[in-house]
């Protein structure tokens, strides 16, 4: 009887300690683990938003460092981070590709005309299948791809000044 009396409080204490541990550890929700880190970019082929042409990832996403940004006009954080995407487009040695996610094409064209277009290419992801292949949880999401087509970094959520500085350092450190 005494053993049962000691086991129940011990289990309770372990549960409470586990709970407090989870509360106290530093977890950043914008750094969601990705199965694609240090792996090749997913292959896809789709239409481009502003050009009457196809975008083939296996041909277009190698040979230079690339920032891939999933965005949509209906996404408020996408609009808020757009100023930082434009700042990236002024950096030397990086190509910016914006994947337009489940969006109205005419609204996207108007949005880019009004806010400025920092993207070298804008593949269209009408169905969301490209985002699924990239493991996107929700937009905006941004990926940094090295010159060999390997995903080196992923940021979930809006790019802020702090995130901009972090990604900028990473751009300079990857090959």
C-alpha atoms as a PDB file:
ATOM      1  CA  UNK A   1       0.000   0.000   0.000  1.00  0.00           C
ATOM      2  CA  UNK A   2       2.853   2.383   0.787  1.00  0.00           C
ATOM      3  CA  UNK A   3       4.419   1.765  -2.647  1.00  0.00           C
ATOM      4  CA  UNK A   4       1.210   2.840  -4.419  1.00  0.00           C
ATOM      5  CA  UNK A   5       1.105   5.886  -2.192  1.00  0.00           C
ATOM      6  CA  UNK A   6       4.611   6.906  -3.385  1.00  0.00           C
ATOM      7  CA  UNK A   7       4.184   6.033  -7.077  1.00  0.00           C
ATOM      8  CA  UNK A   8       1.184   8.295  -7.747  1.00  0.00           C
ATOM      9  CA  UNK A   9       2.795  11.498  -6.371  1.00  0.00           C
ATOM     10  CA  UNK A  10       6.049  10.653  -8.170  1.00  0.00           C
ATOM     11  CA  UNK A  11       4.224  10.393 -11.509  1.00  0.00           C
ATOM     12  CA  UNK A  12       2.418  13.653 -10.801  1.00  0.00           C
ATOM     13  CA  UNK A  13       5.718  15.424 -10.026  1.00  0.00           C
ATOM     14  CA  UNK A  14       7.267  14.073 -13.253  1.00  0.00           C
ATOM     15  CA  UNK A  15       4.331  15.373 -15.287  1.00  0.00           C
ATOM     16  CA  UNK A  16       4.573  18.811 -13.674  1.00  0.00           C
ATOM     17  CA  UNK A  17       8.351  18.955 -14.227  1.00  0.00           C
ATOM     18  CA  UNK A  18       7.907  17.968 -17.878  1.00  0.00           C
ATOM     19  CA  UNK A  19       5.298  20.675 -18.328  1.00  0.00           C
ATOM     20  CA  UNK A  20       7.565  23.362 -16.847  1.00  0.00           C
ATOM     21  CA  UNK A  21      10.498  22.168 -18.930  1.00  0.00           C
ATOM     22  CA  UNK A  22       8.453  22.601 -22.111  1.00  0.00           C
ATOM     23  CA  UNK A  23       7.430  26.082 -21.014  1.00  0.00           C
ATOM     24  CA  UNK A  24      10.959  27.189 -20.203  1.00  0.00           C
ATOM     25  CA  UNK A  25      12.946  25.904 -23.186  1.00  0.00           C
ATOM     26  CA  UNK A  26      13.445  28.389 -25.961  1.00  0.00           C
ATOM     27  CA  UNK A  27      11.380  27.389 -28.941  1.00  0.00           C
ATOM     28  CA  UNK A  28      11.028  29.608 -31.971  1.00  0.00           C
ATOM     29  CA  UNK A  29       7.834  28.876 -33.926  1.00  0.00           C
ATOM     30  CA  UNK A  30       9.292  30.507 -37.044  1.00  0.00           C
ATOM     31  CA  UNK A  31      12.000  27.865 -37.155  1.00  0.00           C
ATOM     32  CA  UNK A  32       9.839  24.863 -37.925  1.00  0.00           C
ATOM     33  CA  UNK A  33      11.970  21.810 -38.686  1.00  0.00           C
ATOM     34  CA  UNK A  34      12.007  20.893 -42.337  1.00  0.00           C
ATOM     35  CA  UNK A  35      12.662  17.521 -43.903  1.00  0.00           C
ATOM     36  CA  UNK A  36      14.059  19.368 -46.931  1.00  0.00           C
ATOM     37  CA  UNK A  37      16.955  21.150 -45.236  1.00  0.00           C
ATOM     38  CA  UNK A  38      20.217  20.171 -46.907  1.00  0.00           C
ATOM     39  CA  UNK A  39      18.303  18.378 -49.660  1.00  0.00           C
ATOM     40  CA  UNK A  40      17.601  19.212 -53.291  1.00  0.00           C
ATOM     41  CA  UNK A  41      14.734  21.518 -54.098  1.00  0.00           C
ATOM     42  CA  UNK A  42      11.531  19.778 -55.165  1.00  0.00           C
ATOM     43  CA  UNK A  43      11.114  19.549 -58.928  1.00  0.00           C
ATOM     44  CA  UNK A  44       8.098  21.263 -60.427  1.00  0.00           C
ATOM     45  CA  UNK A  45       6.910  22.819 -63.654  1.00  0.00           C
ATOM     46  CA  UNK A  46       4.311  25.578 -63.823  1.00  0.00           C
ATOM     47  CA  UNK A  47       3.281  28.757 -65.637  1.00  0.00           C
ATOM     48  CA  UNK A  48       4.821  32.113 -64.846  1.00  0.00           C
ATOM     49  CA  UNK A  49       2.705  35.038 -63.679  1.00  0.00           C
ATOM     50  CA  UNK A  50       4.241  37.850 -65.735  1.00  0.00           C
ATOM     51  CA  UNK A  51       5.713  35.949 -68.668  1.00  0.00           C
ATOM     52  CA  UNK A  52       4.065  33.690 -71.198  1.00  0.00           C
ATOM     53  CA  UNK A  53       6.427  30.848 -70.403  1.00  0.00           C
ATOM     54  CA  UNK A  54       6.931  27.784 -68.204  1.00  0.00           C
ATOM     55  CA  UNK A  55       9.049  27.680 -65.081  1.00  0.00           C
ATOM     56  CA  UNK A  56      10.993  24.438 -64.617  1.00  0.00           C
ATOM     57  CA  UNK A  57      12.615  24.355 -61.192  1.00  0.00           C
ATOM     58  CA  UNK A  58      15.352  21.873 -62.113  1.00  0.00           C
ATOM     59  CA  UNK A  59      16.624  24.291 -64.780  1.00  0.00           C
ATOM     60  CA  UNK A  60      15.959  27.615 -63.074  1.00  0.00           C
ATOM     61  CA  UNK A  61      17.072  26.986 -59.515  1.00  0.00           C
ATOM     62  CA  UNK A  62      20.718  26.075 -59.886  1.00  0.00           C
ATOM     63  CA  UNK A  63      23.915  27.946 -60.546  1.00  0.00           C
ATOM     64  CA  UNK A  64      23.276  30.832 -58.158  1.00  0.00           C
ATOM     65  CA  UNK A  65      21.998  31.542 -54.660  1.00  0.00           C
ATOM     66  CA  UNK A  66      18.215  31.897 -54.618  1.00  0.00           C
ATOM     67  CA  UNK A  67      15.706  33.221 -52.142  1.00  0.00           C
ATOM     68  CA  UNK A  68      12.328  31.508 -52.675  1.00  0.00           C
ATOM     69  CA  UNK A  69       9.370  33.368 -51.182  1.00  0.00           C
ATOM     70  CA  UNK A  70       5.835  31.925 -51.073  1.00  0.00           C
ATOM     71  CA  UNK A  71       3.351  34.831 -51.096  1.00  0.00           C
ATOM     72  CA  UNK A  72      -0.220  35.862 -51.969  1.00  0.00           C
ATOM     73  CA  UNK A  73      -2.116  39.133 -52.248  1.00  0.00           C
ATOM     74  CA  UNK A  74      -4.669  38.039 -49.632  1.00  0.00           C
ATOM     75  CA  UNK A  75      -1.897  37.495 -47.057  1.00  0.00           C
ATOM     76  CA  UNK A  76      -1.367  40.543 -44.789  1.00  0.00           C
ATOM     77  CA  UNK A  77       2.034  39.365 -43.475  1.00  0.00           C
ATOM     78  CA  UNK A  78       3.130  38.941 -47.123  1.00  0.00           C
ATOM     79  CA  UNK A  79       2.323  42.595 -47.742  1.00  0.00           C
ATOM     80  CA  UNK A  80       4.136  43.634 -44.559  1.00  0.00           C
ATOM     81  CA  UNK A  81       7.299  41.695 -45.438  1.00  0.00           C
ATOM     82  CA  UNK A  82       7.337  42.884 -49.073  1.00  0.00           C
ATOM     83  CA  UNK A  83       9.646  45.799 -48.225  1.00  0.00           C
ATOM     84  CA  UNK A  84      12.282  43.302 -47.028  1.00  0.00           C
ATOM     85  CA  UNK A  85      11.886  41.132 -50.126  1.00  0.00           C
ATOM     86  CA  UNK A  86      12.527  44.289 -52.172  1.00  0.00           C
ATOM     87  CA  UNK A  87      15.640  44.952 -50.084  1.00  0.00           C
ATOM     88  CA  UNK A  88      16.876  41.421 -50.845  1.00  0.00           C
ATOM     89  CA  UNK A  89      16.392  42.105 -54.549  1.00  0.00           C
ATOM     90  CA  UNK A  90      18.966  44.916 -54.275  1.00  0.00           C
ATOM     91  CA  UNK A  91      21.587  42.566 -52.845  1.00  0.00           C
ATOM     92  CA  UNK A  92      24.322  41.353 -55.156  1.00  0.00           C
ATOM     93  CA  UNK A  93      24.646  37.608 -55.692  1.00  0.00           C
ATOM     94  CA  UNK A  94      21.082  36.495 -54.939  1.00  0.00           C
ATOM     95  CA  UNK A  95      18.135  35.796 -57.192  1.00  0.00           C
ATOM     96  CA  UNK A  96      14.613  36.227 -55.785  1.00  0.00           C
ATOM     97  CA  UNK A  97      11.841  33.878 -56.908  1.00  0.00           C
ATOM     98  CA  UNK A  98       8.336  34.508 -55.627  1.00  0.00           C
ATOM     99  CA  UNK A  99       5.897  31.624 -55.785  1.00  0.00           C
ATOM    100  CA  UNK A 100       2.375  33.015 -55.999  1.00  0.00           C
ATOM    101  CA  UNK A 101       0.273  30.736 -53.793  1.00  0.00           C
ATOM    102  CA  UNK A 102      -3.442  30.067 -54.484  1.00  0.00           C
ATOM    103  CA  UNK A 103      -4.016  33.604 -55.690  1.00  0.00           C
ATOM    104  CA  UNK A 104      -6.015  35.521 -58.285  1.00  0.00           C
ATOM    105  CA  UNK A 105      -3.548  36.256 -61.087  1.00  0.00           C
ATOM    106  CA  UNK A 106      -4.966  39.687 -61.931  1.00  0.00           C
ATOM    107  CA  UNK A 107      -4.898  40.749 -58.290  1.00  0.00           C
ATOM    108  CA  UNK A 108      -1.299  39.521 -58.038  1.00  0.00           C
ATOM    109  CA  UNK A 109      -0.263  41.561 -61.093  1.00  0.00           C
ATOM    110  CA  UNK A 110      -1.910  44.688 -59.676  1.00  0.00           C
ATOM    111  CA  UNK A 111      -0.378  44.072 -56.240  1.00  0.00           C
ATOM    112  CA  UNK A 112       3.118  43.811 -57.739  1.00  0.00           C
ATOM    113  CA  UNK A 113       2.547  46.870 -59.917  1.00  0.00           C
ATOM    114  CA  UNK A 114       1.521  48.927 -56.867  1.00  0.00           C
ATOM    115  CA  UNK A 115       4.101  47.623 -54.370  1.00  0.00           C
ATOM    116  CA  UNK A 116       6.964  46.912 -56.778  1.00  0.00           C
ATOM    117  CA  UNK A 117       8.186  43.624 -58.173  1.00  0.00           C
ATOM    118  CA  UNK A 118      11.348  42.328 -56.512  1.00  0.00           C
ATOM    119  CA  UNK A 119      11.093  38.886 -58.132  1.00  0.00           C
ATOM    120  CA  UNK A 120      13.069  37.716 -61.161  1.00  0.00           C
ATOM    121  CA  UNK A 121      10.414  35.056 -61.787  1.00  0.00           C
ATOM    122  CA  UNK A 122       6.996  34.343 -60.322  1.00  0.00           C
ATOM    123  CA  UNK A 123       5.834  30.739 -60.747  1.00  0.00           C
ATOM    124  CA  UNK A 124       2.112  30.203 -60.137  1.00  0.00           C
ATOM    125  CA  UNK A 125       0.972  27.646 -57.552  1.00  0.00           C
ATOM    126  CA  UNK A 126      -2.777  27.581 -58.281  1.00  0.00           C
ATOM    127  CA  UNK A 127      -3.579  24.377 -56.412  1.00  0.00           C
ATOM    128  CA  UNK A 128      -1.017  24.618 -53.612  1.00  0.00           C
ATOM    129  CA  UNK A 129       0.773  21.444 -54.713  1.00  0.00           C
ATOM    130  CA  UNK A 130       4.141  23.186 -55.076  1.00  0.00           C
ATOM    131  CA  UNK A 131       3.848  24.496 -51.516  1.00  0.00           C
ATOM    132  CA  UNK A 132       2.992  21.000 -50.293  1.00  0.00           C
ATOM    133  CA  UNK A 133       6.106  19.591 -51.987  1.00  0.00           C
ATOM    134  CA  UNK A 134       8.198  22.265 -50.255  1.00  0.00           C
ATOM    135  CA  UNK A 135       6.596  21.474 -46.884  1.00  0.00           C
ATOM    136  CA  UNK A 136       4.990  24.905 -46.550  1.00  0.00           C
ATOM    137  CA  UNK A 137       2.739  25.178 -43.486  1.00  0.00           C
ATOM    138  CA  UNK A 138       1.305  28.579 -44.331  1.00  0.00           C
ATOM    139  CA  UNK A 139       2.429  31.692 -46.055  1.00  0.00           C
ATOM    140  CA  UNK A 140       4.587  33.627 -46.072  1.00  0.00           C
ATOM    141  CA  UNK A 141       7.459  31.192 -46.015  1.00  0.00           C
ATOM    142  CA  UNK A 142      10.931  31.846 -47.340  1.00  0.00           C
ATOM    143  CA  UNK A 143      13.705  29.449 -48.301  1.00  0.00           C
ATOM    144  CA  UNK A 144      17.372  30.039 -49.035  1.00  0.00           C
ATOM    145  CA  UNK A 145      18.791  27.764 -51.744  1.00  0.00           C
ATOM    146  CA  UNK A 146      22.496  27.481 -52.514  1.00  0.00           C
ATOM    147  CA  UNK A 147      24.005  27.476 -56.014  1.00  0.00           C
ATOM    148  CA  UNK A 148      23.764  23.664 -56.192  1.00  0.00           C
ATOM    149  CA  UNK A 149      19.987  23.677 -55.655  1.00  0.00           C
ATOM    150  CA  UNK A 150      20.184  22.584 -52.007  1.00  0.00           C
ATOM    151  CA  UNK A 151      17.809  24.148 -49.455  1.00  0.00           C
ATOM    152  CA  UNK A 152      19.974  25.649 -46.717  1.00  0.00           C
ATOM    153  CA  UNK A 153      17.476  27.643 -44.647  1.00  0.00           C
ATOM    154  CA  UNK A 154      13.748  28.007 -44.095  1.00  0.00           C
ATOM    155  CA  UNK A 155      11.864  30.814 -42.412  1.00  0.00           C
ATOM    156  CA  UNK A 156       8.198  30.389 -41.516  1.00  0.00           C
ATOM    157  CA  UNK A 157       6.252  33.622 -41.212  1.00  0.00           C
ATOM    158  CA  UNK A 158       6.845  37.247 -42.003  1.00  0.00           C
ATOM    159  CA  UNK A 159      10.342  38.578 -42.586  1.00  0.00           C
ATOM    160  CA  UNK A 160      11.167  41.326 -40.110  1.00  0.00           C
ATOM    161  CA  UNK A 161      14.256  43.511 -39.772  1.00  0.00           C
ATOM    162  CA  UNK A 162      15.871  40.928 -37.479  1.00  0.00           C
ATOM    163  CA  UNK A 163      15.095  38.046 -39.847  1.00  0.00           C
ATOM    164  CA  UNK A 164      16.309  40.125 -42.801  1.00  0.00           C
ATOM    165  CA  UNK A 165      19.705  40.600 -41.119  1.00  0.00           C
ATOM    166  CA  UNK A 166      19.915  36.882 -40.265  1.00  0.00           C
ATOM    167  CA  UNK A 167      19.111  35.776 -43.828  1.00  0.00           C
ATOM    168  CA  UNK A 168      21.510  38.352 -45.243  1.00  0.00           C
ATOM    169  CA  UNK A 169      24.340  36.839 -43.174  1.00  0.00           C
ATOM    170  CA  UNK A 170      23.364  33.374 -44.357  1.00  0.00           C
ATOM    171  CA  UNK A 171      23.380  34.521 -47.987  1.00  0.00           C
ATOM    172  CA  UNK A 172      26.988  35.591 -47.598  1.00  0.00           C
ATOM    173  CA  UNK A 173      28.006  32.381 -45.844  1.00  0.00           C
ATOM    174  CA  UNK A 174      26.582  29.738 -48.216  1.00  0.00           C
ATOM    175  CA  UNK A 175      28.081  28.579 -51.490  1.00  0.00           C
END
